[in-house]
Amino acid sequence: LPCYFEEVDAAGLLEGIVQRFTLRATQLGLTLSLNTELEAPVLVRWDAKRMEQLVGNLLDNSLRYTDAPGQVQVKLYSGDANKMVIEVQDTAPGVSEYDLLRIFEPLYRADVARGRSTGSSGLGLAICEQIVIAHQGVIRAEASALGGVLFHLELPRFGDETT
């Protein structure tokens, strides 16, 4: 997965992505919010286009499968001096523990009824995982305290420029 790393403001990048999805969320009867604990711009070395694809895929997934009225929350915070954490979580419905373990497998769909009738190919979350790996990070899915799914990403602030 080719990546082109550049210095970007992590919060500014996420603000732009969330802003692009806000109208769609409202039209679906959902509230989309961004919470960041960062007080000043935090520069990271990421592939901005791939990060837009990654977070966009996660938001698209949440908007597609969250019941209205509901919420989708994006959170950005500093994991430590060299790590940033992005979380995307939503309200019900959730998925089973078994499905959470397989959710990043290519072509896997947690609910076969969600298949192609909703436009899903089952590749979006597999692509997300590959983008995170290309950034030398980790991603996991777990049950959200809000009743849906929580995607937790840990990314180094400075990705590998040779990827």
N, C-alpha and C. Protein backbone atom coordinates (compact mmCIF):
# COMPACT_ATOMS: atom_id res chain seq x y z
N LEU A 1 0.86 -1.17 0.00
CA LEU A 1 0.00 0.00 0.00
C LEU A 1 0.90 1.23 0.00
N PRO A 2 1.02 1.92 -1.12
CA PRO A 2 1.92 3.07 -1.16
C PRO A 2 1.40 4.23 -0.30
N CYS A 3 2.32 4.82 0.43
CA CYS A 3 2.00 5.98 1.26
C CYS A 3 3.01 7.08 0.99
N TYR A 4 2.55 8.30 1.04
CA TYR A 4 3.38 9.47 0.83
C TYR A 4 3.26 10.35 2.06
N PHE A 5 4.25 10.24 2.92
CA PHE A 5 4.19 10.89 4.22
C PHE A 5 4.56 12.36 4.12
N GLU A 6 3.84 13.16 4.89
CA GLU A 6 4.07 14.59 4.95
C GLU A 6 3.71 15.08 6.35
N GLU A 7 4.21 16.22 6.70
CA GLU A 7 3.90 16.79 8.01
C GLU A 7 2.53 17.45 7.94
N VAL A 8 1.63 17.04 8.85
CA VAL A 8 0.28 17.60 8.91
C VAL A 8 -0.11 17.81 10.36
N ASP A 9 -1.10 18.66 10.57
CA ASP A 9 -1.67 18.85 11.91
C ASP A 9 -2.74 17.79 12.11
N ALA A 10 -2.55 16.92 13.07
CA ALA A 10 -3.47 15.80 13.30
C ALA A 10 -4.90 16.28 13.57
N ALA A 11 -5.06 17.28 14.42
CA ALA A 11 -6.41 17.78 14.75
C ALA A 11 -7.05 18.44 13.54
N GLY A 12 -6.30 19.23 12.81
CA GLY A 12 -6.83 19.88 11.62
C GLY A 12 -7.27 18.87 10.58
N LEU A 13 -6.49 17.83 10.41
CA LEU A 13 -6.83 16.77 9.47
C LEU A 13 -8.15 16.11 9.85
N LEU A 14 -8.29 15.74 11.13
CA LEU A 14 -9.53 15.09 11.57
C LEU A 14 -10.72 16.04 11.51
N GLU A 15 -10.51 17.32 11.83
CA GLU A 15 -11.61 18.29 11.75
C GLU A 15 -12.16 18.35 10.34
N GLY A 16 -11.29 18.38 9.35
CA GLY A 16 -11.72 18.43 7.96
C GLY A 16 -12.50 17.19 7.56
N ILE A 17 -12.04 16.03 7.99
CA ILE A 17 -12.71 14.78 7.66
C ILE A 17 -14.10 14.74 8.29
N VAL A 18 -14.18 15.05 9.57
CA VAL A 18 -15.47 15.03 10.27
C VAL A 18 -16.43 16.03 9.64
N GLN A 19 -15.93 17.19 9.30
CA GLN A 19 -16.78 18.22 8.68
C GLN A 19 -17.42 17.71 7.39
N ARG A 20 -16.66 16.94 6.60
CA ARG A 20 -17.19 16.40 5.34
C ARG A 20 -18.36 15.44 5.56
N PHE A 21 -18.43 14.80 6.72
CA PHE A 21 -19.46 13.80 6.99
C PHE A 21 -20.63 14.35 7.82
N THR A 22 -20.51 15.58 8.30
CA THR A 22 -21.52 16.12 9.22
C THR A 22 -22.90 16.24 8.59
N LEU A 23 -22.99 16.76 7.39
CA LEU A 23 -24.30 16.91 6.74
C LEU A 23 -24.96 15.56 6.53
N ARG A 24 -24.20 14.59 6.06
CA ARG A 24 -24.75 13.24 5.85
C ARG A 24 -25.26 12.66 7.16
N ALA A 25 -24.51 12.84 8.23
CA ALA A 25 -24.93 12.34 9.55
C ALA A 25 -26.26 12.98 9.95
N THR A 26 -26.35 14.28 9.78
CA THR A 26 -27.59 14.99 10.14
C THR A 26 -28.77 14.48 9.32
N GLN A 27 -28.56 14.28 8.04
CA GLN A 27 -29.62 13.77 7.17
C GLN A 27 -30.07 12.37 7.59
N LEU A 28 -29.19 11.60 8.19
CA LEU A 28 -29.52 10.25 8.66
C LEU A 28 -30.09 10.24 10.08
N GLY A 29 -30.20 11.42 10.70
CA GLY A 29 -30.73 11.50 12.06
C GLY A 29 -29.69 11.16 13.12
N LEU A 30 -28.43 11.35 12.76
CA LEU A 30 -27.33 11.04 13.68
C LEU A 30 -26.56 12.30 14.04
N THR A 31 -25.97 12.28 15.22
CA THR A 31 -25.11 13.37 15.66
C THR A 31 -23.66 12.92 15.52
N LEU A 32 -22.87 13.70 14.81
CA LEU A 32 -21.45 13.41 14.61
C LEU A 32 -20.64 14.47 15.33
N SER A 33 -19.73 14.03 16.18
CA SER A 33 -18.93 15.00 16.94
C SER A 33 -17.46 14.60 16.95
N LEU A 34 -16.61 15.61 17.14
CA LEU A 34 -15.17 15.41 17.27
C LEU A 34 -14.74 15.99 18.61
N ASN A 35 -14.03 15.20 19.37
CA ASN A 35 -13.49 15.63 20.65
C ASN A 35 -11.97 15.45 20.59
N THR A 36 -11.26 16.52 20.80
CA THR A 36 -9.80 16.42 20.84
C THR A 36 -9.29 17.08 22.11
N GLU A 37 -8.36 16.43 22.75
CA GLU A 37 -7.77 16.96 23.98
C GLU A 37 -6.51 17.76 23.69
N LEU A 38 -6.23 17.98 22.42
CA LEU A 38 -5.01 18.68 22.05
C LEU A 38 -5.23 20.18 22.12
N GLU A 39 -4.33 20.89 22.78
CA GLU A 39 -4.50 22.33 22.94
C GLU A 39 -3.83 23.15 21.84
N ALA A 40 -2.82 22.61 21.23
CA ALA A 40 -2.12 23.30 20.15
C ALA A 40 -2.02 22.35 18.98
N PRO A 41 -1.76 22.85 17.80
CA PRO A 41 -1.58 21.91 16.68
C PRO A 41 -0.46 20.91 17.02
N VAL A 42 -0.74 19.66 16.72
CA VAL A 42 0.24 18.61 16.93
C VAL A 42 0.64 18.08 15.56
N LEU A 43 1.89 18.34 15.20
CA LEU A 43 2.35 17.89 13.90
C LEU A 43 2.70 16.42 13.93
N VAL A 44 2.23 15.73 12.91
CA VAL A 44 2.52 14.31 12.73
C VAL A 44 3.03 14.12 11.31
N ARG A 45 3.65 13.01 11.05
CA ARG A 45 4.12 12.70 9.70
C ARG A 45 3.34 11.48 9.23
N TRP A 46 2.22 11.76 8.55
CA TRP A 46 1.30 10.73 8.06
C TRP A 46 1.03 11.00 6.59
N ASP A 47 0.48 10.03 5.92
CA ASP A 47 -0.04 10.22 4.57
C ASP A 47 -1.45 10.77 4.75
N ALA A 48 -1.62 12.06 4.49
CA ALA A 48 -2.91 12.71 4.74
C ALA A 48 -4.04 12.09 3.92
N LYS A 49 -3.77 11.77 2.67
CA LYS A 49 -4.82 11.17 1.81
C LYS A 49 -5.23 9.80 2.34
N ARG A 50 -4.26 8.99 2.75
CA ARG A 50 -4.59 7.67 3.31
C ARG A 50 -5.33 7.80 4.63
N MET A 51 -4.97 8.81 5.43
CA MET A 51 -5.68 9.01 6.70
C MET A 51 -7.12 9.45 6.44
N GLU A 52 -7.32 10.27 5.40
CA GLU A 52 -8.69 10.65 5.02
C GLU A 52 -9.47 9.41 4.59
N GLN A 53 -8.82 8.52 3.86
CA GLN A 53 -9.47 7.28 3.44
C GLN A 53 -9.79 6.40 4.64
N LEU A 54 -8.85 6.28 5.55
CA LEU A 54 -9.02 5.46 6.75
C LEU A 54 -10.17 5.96 7.62
N VAL A 55 -10.10 7.21 8.05
CA VAL A 55 -11.13 7.74 8.93
C VAL A 55 -12.46 7.85 8.17
N GLY A 56 -12.40 8.19 6.89
CA GLY A 56 -13.61 8.23 6.07
C GLY A 56 -14.29 6.87 6.01
N ASN A 57 -13.53 5.79 5.84
CA ASN A 57 -14.11 4.44 5.83
C ASN A 57 -14.76 4.11 7.17
N LEU A 58 -14.09 4.48 8.26
CA LEU A 58 -14.65 4.21 9.59
C LEU A 58 -15.95 4.99 9.80
N LEU A 59 -15.94 6.27 9.40
CA LEU A 59 -17.15 7.09 9.55
C LEU A 59 -18.27 6.58 8.64
N ASP A 60 -17.93 6.22 7.42
CA ASP A 60 -18.92 5.67 6.51
C ASP A 60 -19.56 4.42 7.11
N ASN A 61 -18.75 3.56 7.68
CA ASN A 61 -19.25 2.34 8.32
C ASN A 61 -20.19 2.68 9.47
N SER A 62 -19.78 3.61 10.32
CA SER A 62 -20.62 3.99 11.46
C SER A 62 -21.93 4.63 11.01
N LEU A 63 -21.87 5.51 10.03
CA LEU A 63 -23.09 6.17 9.56
C LEU A 63 -24.03 5.17 8.90
N ARG A 64 -23.48 4.20 8.21
CA ARG A 64 -24.29 3.21 7.51
C ARG A 64 -25.03 2.29 8.47
N TYR A 65 -24.39 1.93 9.59
CA TYR A 65 -24.95 0.89 10.45
C TYR A 65 -25.45 1.36 11.81
N THR A 66 -25.45 2.66 12.07
CA THR A 66 -25.96 3.17 13.34
C THR A 66 -27.42 3.57 13.19
N ASP A 67 -28.25 3.10 14.11
CA ASP A 67 -29.67 3.43 14.08
C ASP A 67 -29.91 4.86 14.53
N ALA A 68 -30.88 5.52 13.87
CA ALA A 68 -31.28 6.87 14.27
C ALA A 68 -32.39 6.77 15.31
N PRO A 69 -32.46 7.68 16.23
CA PRO A 69 -31.47 8.72 16.48
C PRO A 69 -30.26 8.10 17.16
N GLY A 70 -29.10 8.52 16.77
CA GLY A 70 -27.89 7.94 17.33
C GLY A 70 -26.74 8.90 17.27
N GLN A 71 -25.59 8.41 17.70
CA GLN A 71 -24.39 9.24 17.77
C GLN A 71 -23.20 8.52 17.16
N VAL A 72 -22.33 9.30 16.57
CA VAL A 72 -21.01 8.82 16.14
C VAL A 72 -20.02 9.82 16.72
N GLN A 73 -19.08 9.31 17.48
CA GLN A 73 -18.11 10.18 18.13
C GLN A 73 -16.70 9.85 17.66
N VAL A 74 -15.95 10.89 17.34
CA VAL A 74 -14.54 10.76 16.97
C VAL A 74 -13.74 11.45 18.06
N LYS A 75 -12.71 10.77 18.52
CA LYS A 75 -11.87 11.33 19.57
C LYS A 75 -10.41 11.22 19.15
N LEU A 76 -9.66 12.27 19.36
CA LEU A 76 -8.23 12.31 19.07
C LEU A 76 -7.51 12.74 20.33
N TYR A 77 -6.51 11.95 20.73
CA TYR A 77 -5.71 12.35 21.89
C TYR A 77 -4.31 11.77 21.77
N SER A 78 -3.44 12.30 22.59
CA SER A 78 -2.05 11.87 22.59
C SER A 78 -1.92 10.64 23.47
N GLY A 79 -1.44 9.54 22.88
CA GLY A 79 -1.24 8.31 23.64
C GLY A 79 0.00 8.41 24.52
N ASP A 80 1.06 8.96 23.98
CA ASP A 80 2.29 9.28 24.69
C ASP A 80 3.08 10.23 23.80
N ALA A 81 4.32 10.46 24.13
CA ALA A 81 5.11 11.44 23.38
C ALA A 81 5.26 11.09 21.90
N ASN A 82 5.17 9.81 21.57
CA ASN A 82 5.40 9.38 20.19
C ASN A 82 4.18 8.74 19.54
N LYS A 83 3.02 8.83 20.17
CA LYS A 83 1.85 8.12 19.67
C LYS A 83 0.59 8.98 19.74
N MET A 84 -0.23 8.86 18.70
CA MET A 84 -1.54 9.50 18.69
C MET A 84 -2.60 8.40 18.69
N VAL A 85 -3.72 8.69 19.31
CA VAL A 85 -4.83 7.74 19.36
C VAL A 85 -6.05 8.39 18.72
N ILE A 86 -6.68 7.64 17.83
CA ILE A 86 -7.95 8.05 17.21
C ILE A 86 -8.96 6.99 17.57
N GLU A 87 -10.12 7.43 18.05
CA GLU A 87 -11.21 6.49 18.33
C GLU A 87 -12.46 6.96 17.59
N VAL A 88 -13.13 6.02 16.96
CA VAL A 88 -14.42 6.26 16.32
C VAL A 88 -15.38 5.27 16.94
N GLN A 89 -16.44 5.78 17.58
CA GLN A 89 -17.41 4.88 18.19
C GLN A 89 -18.81 5.36 17.89
N ASP A 90 -19.74 4.41 17.95
CA ASP A 90 -21.12 4.73 17.62
C ASP A 90 -22.09 4.04 18.57
N THR A 91 -23.35 4.44 18.45
CA THR A 91 -24.41 3.85 19.25
C THR A 91 -24.95 2.61 18.53
N ALA A 92 -25.92 1.97 19.15
CA ALA A 92 -26.47 0.70 18.67
C ALA A 92 -26.92 0.76 17.21
N PRO A 93 -26.87 -0.38 16.56
CA PRO A 93 -26.58 -1.72 17.08
C PRO A 93 -25.08 -2.01 17.09
N GLY A 94 -24.70 -2.96 17.91
CA GLY A 94 -23.32 -3.41 17.97
C GLY A 94 -23.17 -4.68 17.16
N VAL A 95 -22.03 -5.32 17.28
CA VAL A 95 -21.80 -6.61 16.64
C VAL A 95 -21.29 -7.58 17.69
N SER A 96 -21.39 -8.86 17.41
CA SER A 96 -21.00 -9.89 18.38
C SER A 96 -19.49 -9.90 18.59
N GLU A 97 -19.07 -10.50 19.70
CA GLU A 97 -17.64 -10.65 19.98
C GLU A 97 -16.96 -11.42 18.86
N TYR A 98 -17.61 -12.45 18.36
CA TYR A 98 -17.05 -13.25 17.26
C TYR A 98 -16.82 -12.37 16.03
N ASP A 99 -17.80 -11.55 15.70
CA ASP A 99 -17.67 -10.68 14.53
C ASP A 99 -16.58 -9.63 14.73
N LEU A 100 -16.43 -9.13 15.95
CA LEU A 100 -15.38 -8.14 16.22
C LEU A 100 -13.99 -8.71 15.96
N LEU A 101 -13.82 -9.99 16.20
CA LEU A 101 -12.53 -10.63 15.96
C LEU A 101 -12.22 -10.77 14.47
N ARG A 102 -13.24 -10.80 13.62
CA ARG A 102 -13.06 -11.04 12.19
C ARG A 102 -13.34 -9.81 11.33
N ILE A 103 -13.68 -8.72 11.94
CA ILE A 103 -14.21 -7.56 11.23
C ILE A 103 -13.24 -6.95 10.21
N PHE A 104 -11.94 -7.17 10.37
CA PHE A 104 -10.97 -6.60 9.44
C PHE A 104 -10.59 -7.56 8.31
N GLU A 105 -11.19 -8.74 8.29
CA GLU A 105 -10.90 -9.71 7.22
C GLU A 105 -11.52 -9.22 5.91
N PRO A 106 -10.76 -9.33 4.81
CA PRO A 106 -11.32 -8.91 3.51
C PRO A 106 -12.60 -9.69 3.19
N LEU A 107 -13.59 -8.96 2.68
CA LEU A 107 -14.89 -9.48 2.26
C LEU A 107 -15.77 -9.97 3.40
N TYR A 108 -15.32 -9.83 4.64
CA TYR A 108 -16.14 -10.28 5.78
C TYR A 108 -17.17 -9.22 6.12
N ARG A 109 -18.39 -9.65 6.32
CA ARG A 109 -19.45 -8.75 6.77
C ARG A 109 -20.04 -9.33 8.04
N ALA A 110 -20.15 -8.51 9.06
CA ALA A 110 -20.67 -8.99 10.34
C ALA A 110 -22.12 -9.43 10.22
N ASP A 111 -22.86 -8.84 9.32
CA ASP A 111 -24.27 -9.17 9.14
C ASP A 111 -24.50 -9.36 7.65
N VAL A 112 -24.74 -10.59 7.23
CA VAL A 112 -24.91 -10.84 5.80
C VAL A 112 -26.08 -10.06 5.23
N ALA A 113 -27.04 -9.70 6.05
CA ALA A 113 -28.16 -8.90 5.57
C ALA A 113 -27.72 -7.51 5.17
N ARG A 114 -26.56 -7.08 5.67
CA ARG A 114 -26.04 -5.76 5.33
C ARG A 114 -25.34 -5.76 3.99
N GLY A 115 -25.06 -6.91 3.45
CA GLY A 115 -24.32 -7.11 2.22
C GLY A 115 -24.41 -6.00 1.19
N ARG A 116 -24.52 -6.36 -0.03
CA ARG A 116 -24.49 -5.41 -1.13
C ARG A 116 -25.73 -4.53 -1.20
N SER A 117 -26.79 -4.90 -0.51
CA SER A 117 -28.00 -4.06 -0.55
C SER A 117 -27.74 -2.68 0.02
N THR A 118 -26.73 -2.56 0.89
CA THR A 118 -26.38 -1.25 1.44
C THR A 118 -25.15 -0.67 0.77
N GLY A 119 -24.66 -1.33 -0.28
CA GLY A 119 -23.52 -0.82 -1.00
C GLY A 119 -22.19 -1.25 -0.43
N SER A 120 -22.18 -2.15 0.53
CA SER A 120 -20.96 -2.58 1.17
C SER A 120 -20.34 -3.77 0.45
N SER A 121 -19.03 -3.68 0.20
CA SER A 121 -18.33 -4.79 -0.44
C SER A 121 -17.62 -5.66 0.58
N GLY A 122 -17.49 -5.18 1.81
CA GLY A 122 -16.76 -5.93 2.81
C GLY A 122 -15.25 -5.67 2.75
N LEU A 123 -14.83 -4.65 2.01
CA LEU A 123 -13.40 -4.35 1.89
C LEU A 123 -12.97 -3.14 2.69
N GLY A 124 -13.89 -2.27 3.06
CA GLY A 124 -13.53 -1.01 3.71
C GLY A 124 -12.70 -1.16 4.97
N LEU A 125 -13.08 -2.07 5.86
CA LEU A 125 -12.34 -2.22 7.11
C LEU A 125 -11.01 -2.94 6.89
N ALA A 126 -10.94 -3.83 5.90
CA ALA A 126 -9.66 -4.47 5.56
C ALA A 126 -8.68 -3.42 5.04
N ILE A 127 -9.18 -2.48 4.24
CA ILE A 127 -8.34 -1.38 3.75
C ILE A 127 -7.87 -0.52 4.92
N CYS A 128 -8.77 -0.25 5.87
CA CYS A 128 -8.39 0.53 7.06
C CYS A 128 -7.22 -0.12 7.78
N GLU A 129 -7.30 -1.43 7.96
CA GLU A 129 -6.23 -2.13 8.66
C GLU A 129 -4.91 -2.00 7.90
N GLN A 130 -4.95 -2.10 6.58
CA GLN A 130 -3.73 -1.99 5.78
C GLN A 130 -3.12 -0.59 5.86
N ILE A 131 -3.96 0.43 5.90
CA ILE A 131 -3.45 1.80 6.04
C ILE A 131 -2.78 1.98 7.40
N VAL A 132 -3.38 1.44 8.44
CA VAL A 132 -2.79 1.53 9.78
C VAL A 132 -1.46 0.80 9.83
N ILE A 133 -1.41 -0.38 9.23
CA ILE A 133 -0.16 -1.14 9.20
C ILE A 133 0.92 -0.37 8.43
N ALA A 134 0.54 0.26 7.32
CA ALA A 134 1.50 1.05 6.54
C ALA A 134 2.05 2.22 7.34
N HIS A 135 1.28 2.69 8.32
CA HIS A 135 1.72 3.77 9.21
C HIS A 135 2.40 3.23 10.47
N GLN A 136 2.63 1.91 10.52
CA GLN A 136 3.24 1.23 11.65
C GLN A 136 2.42 1.38 12.93
N GLY A 137 1.10 1.36 12.77
CA GLY A 137 0.21 1.48 13.91
C GLY A 137 -0.58 0.20 14.12
N VAL A 138 -1.55 0.28 15.04
CA VAL A 138 -2.43 -0.84 15.33
C VAL A 138 -3.87 -0.34 15.36
N ILE A 139 -4.79 -1.23 14.99
CA ILE A 139 -6.21 -0.93 15.04
C ILE A 139 -6.92 -2.13 15.63
N ARG A 140 -7.94 -1.86 16.41
CA ARG A 140 -8.77 -2.95 16.94
C ARG A 140 -10.21 -2.47 17.03
N ALA A 141 -11.11 -3.43 17.03
CA ALA A 141 -12.53 -3.14 17.17
C ALA A 141 -13.02 -3.81 18.44
N GLU A 142 -13.87 -3.11 19.17
CA GLU A 142 -14.43 -3.66 20.40
C GLU A 142 -15.82 -3.07 20.61
N ALA A 143 -16.52 -3.61 21.57
CA ALA A 143 -17.84 -3.09 21.89
C ALA A 143 -17.69 -1.68 22.46
N SER A 144 -18.55 -0.78 22.01
CA SER A 144 -18.53 0.60 22.47
C SER A 144 -19.40 0.75 23.72
N ALA A 145 -19.00 1.61 24.62
CA ALA A 145 -19.82 1.92 25.79
C ALA A 145 -21.14 2.57 25.37
N LEU A 146 -21.19 3.08 24.13
CA LEU A 146 -22.41 3.71 23.61
C LEU A 146 -23.40 2.69 23.06
N GLY A 147 -22.99 1.42 22.96
CA GLY A 147 -23.89 0.38 22.48
C GLY A 147 -23.59 -0.13 21.08
N GLY A 148 -22.64 0.50 20.39
CA GLY A 148 -22.28 0.08 19.03
C GLY A 148 -20.88 -0.49 19.00
N VAL A 149 -20.08 0.01 18.07
CA VAL A 149 -18.71 -0.47 17.88
C VAL A 149 -17.75 0.67 18.14
N LEU A 150 -16.61 0.35 18.73
CA LEU A 150 -15.52 1.28 18.96
C LEU A 150 -14.32 0.81 18.15
N PHE A 151 -13.82 1.68 17.27
CA PHE A 151 -12.57 1.43 16.55
C PHE A 151 -11.49 2.25 17.24
N HIS A 152 -10.46 1.58 17.69
CA HIS A 152 -9.37 2.21 18.43
C HIS A 152 -8.10 2.09 17.60
N LEU A 153 -7.50 3.24 17.24
CA LEU A 153 -6.28 3.27 16.43
C LEU A 153 -5.17 3.90 17.22
N GLU A 154 -4.01 3.31 17.18
CA GLU A 154 -2.80 3.89 17.77
C GLU A 154 -1.79 4.05 16.65
N LEU A 155 -1.37 5.28 16.43
CA LEU A 155 -0.46 5.59 15.32
C LEU A 155 0.76 6.34 15.82
N PRO A 156 1.95 5.95 15.36
CA PRO A 156 3.12 6.75 15.72
C PRO A 156 3.00 8.14 15.11
N ARG A 157 3.51 9.11 15.79
CA ARG A 157 3.44 10.48 15.26
C ARG A 157 4.21 10.65 13.97
N PHE A 158 5.25 9.85 13.81
CA PHE A 158 6.09 9.98 12.64
C PHE A 158 6.16 8.65 11.93
N GLY A 159 5.38 8.54 10.82
CA GLY A 159 5.35 7.31 10.05
C GLY A 159 6.63 7.09 9.28
N ASP A 160 6.78 5.91 8.73
CA ASP A 160 7.97 5.53 7.97
C ASP A 160 7.89 6.13 6.57
N GLU A 161 8.80 7.01 6.26
CA GLU A 161 8.79 7.70 4.96
C GLU A 161 9.10 6.78 3.80
N THR A 162 9.64 5.61 4.07
CA THR A 162 10.03 4.70 2.99
C THR A 162 8.90 3.78 2.55
N THR A 163 7.79 3.78 3.26
CA THR A 163 6.68 2.87 2.94
C THR A 163 6.05 3.25 1.63
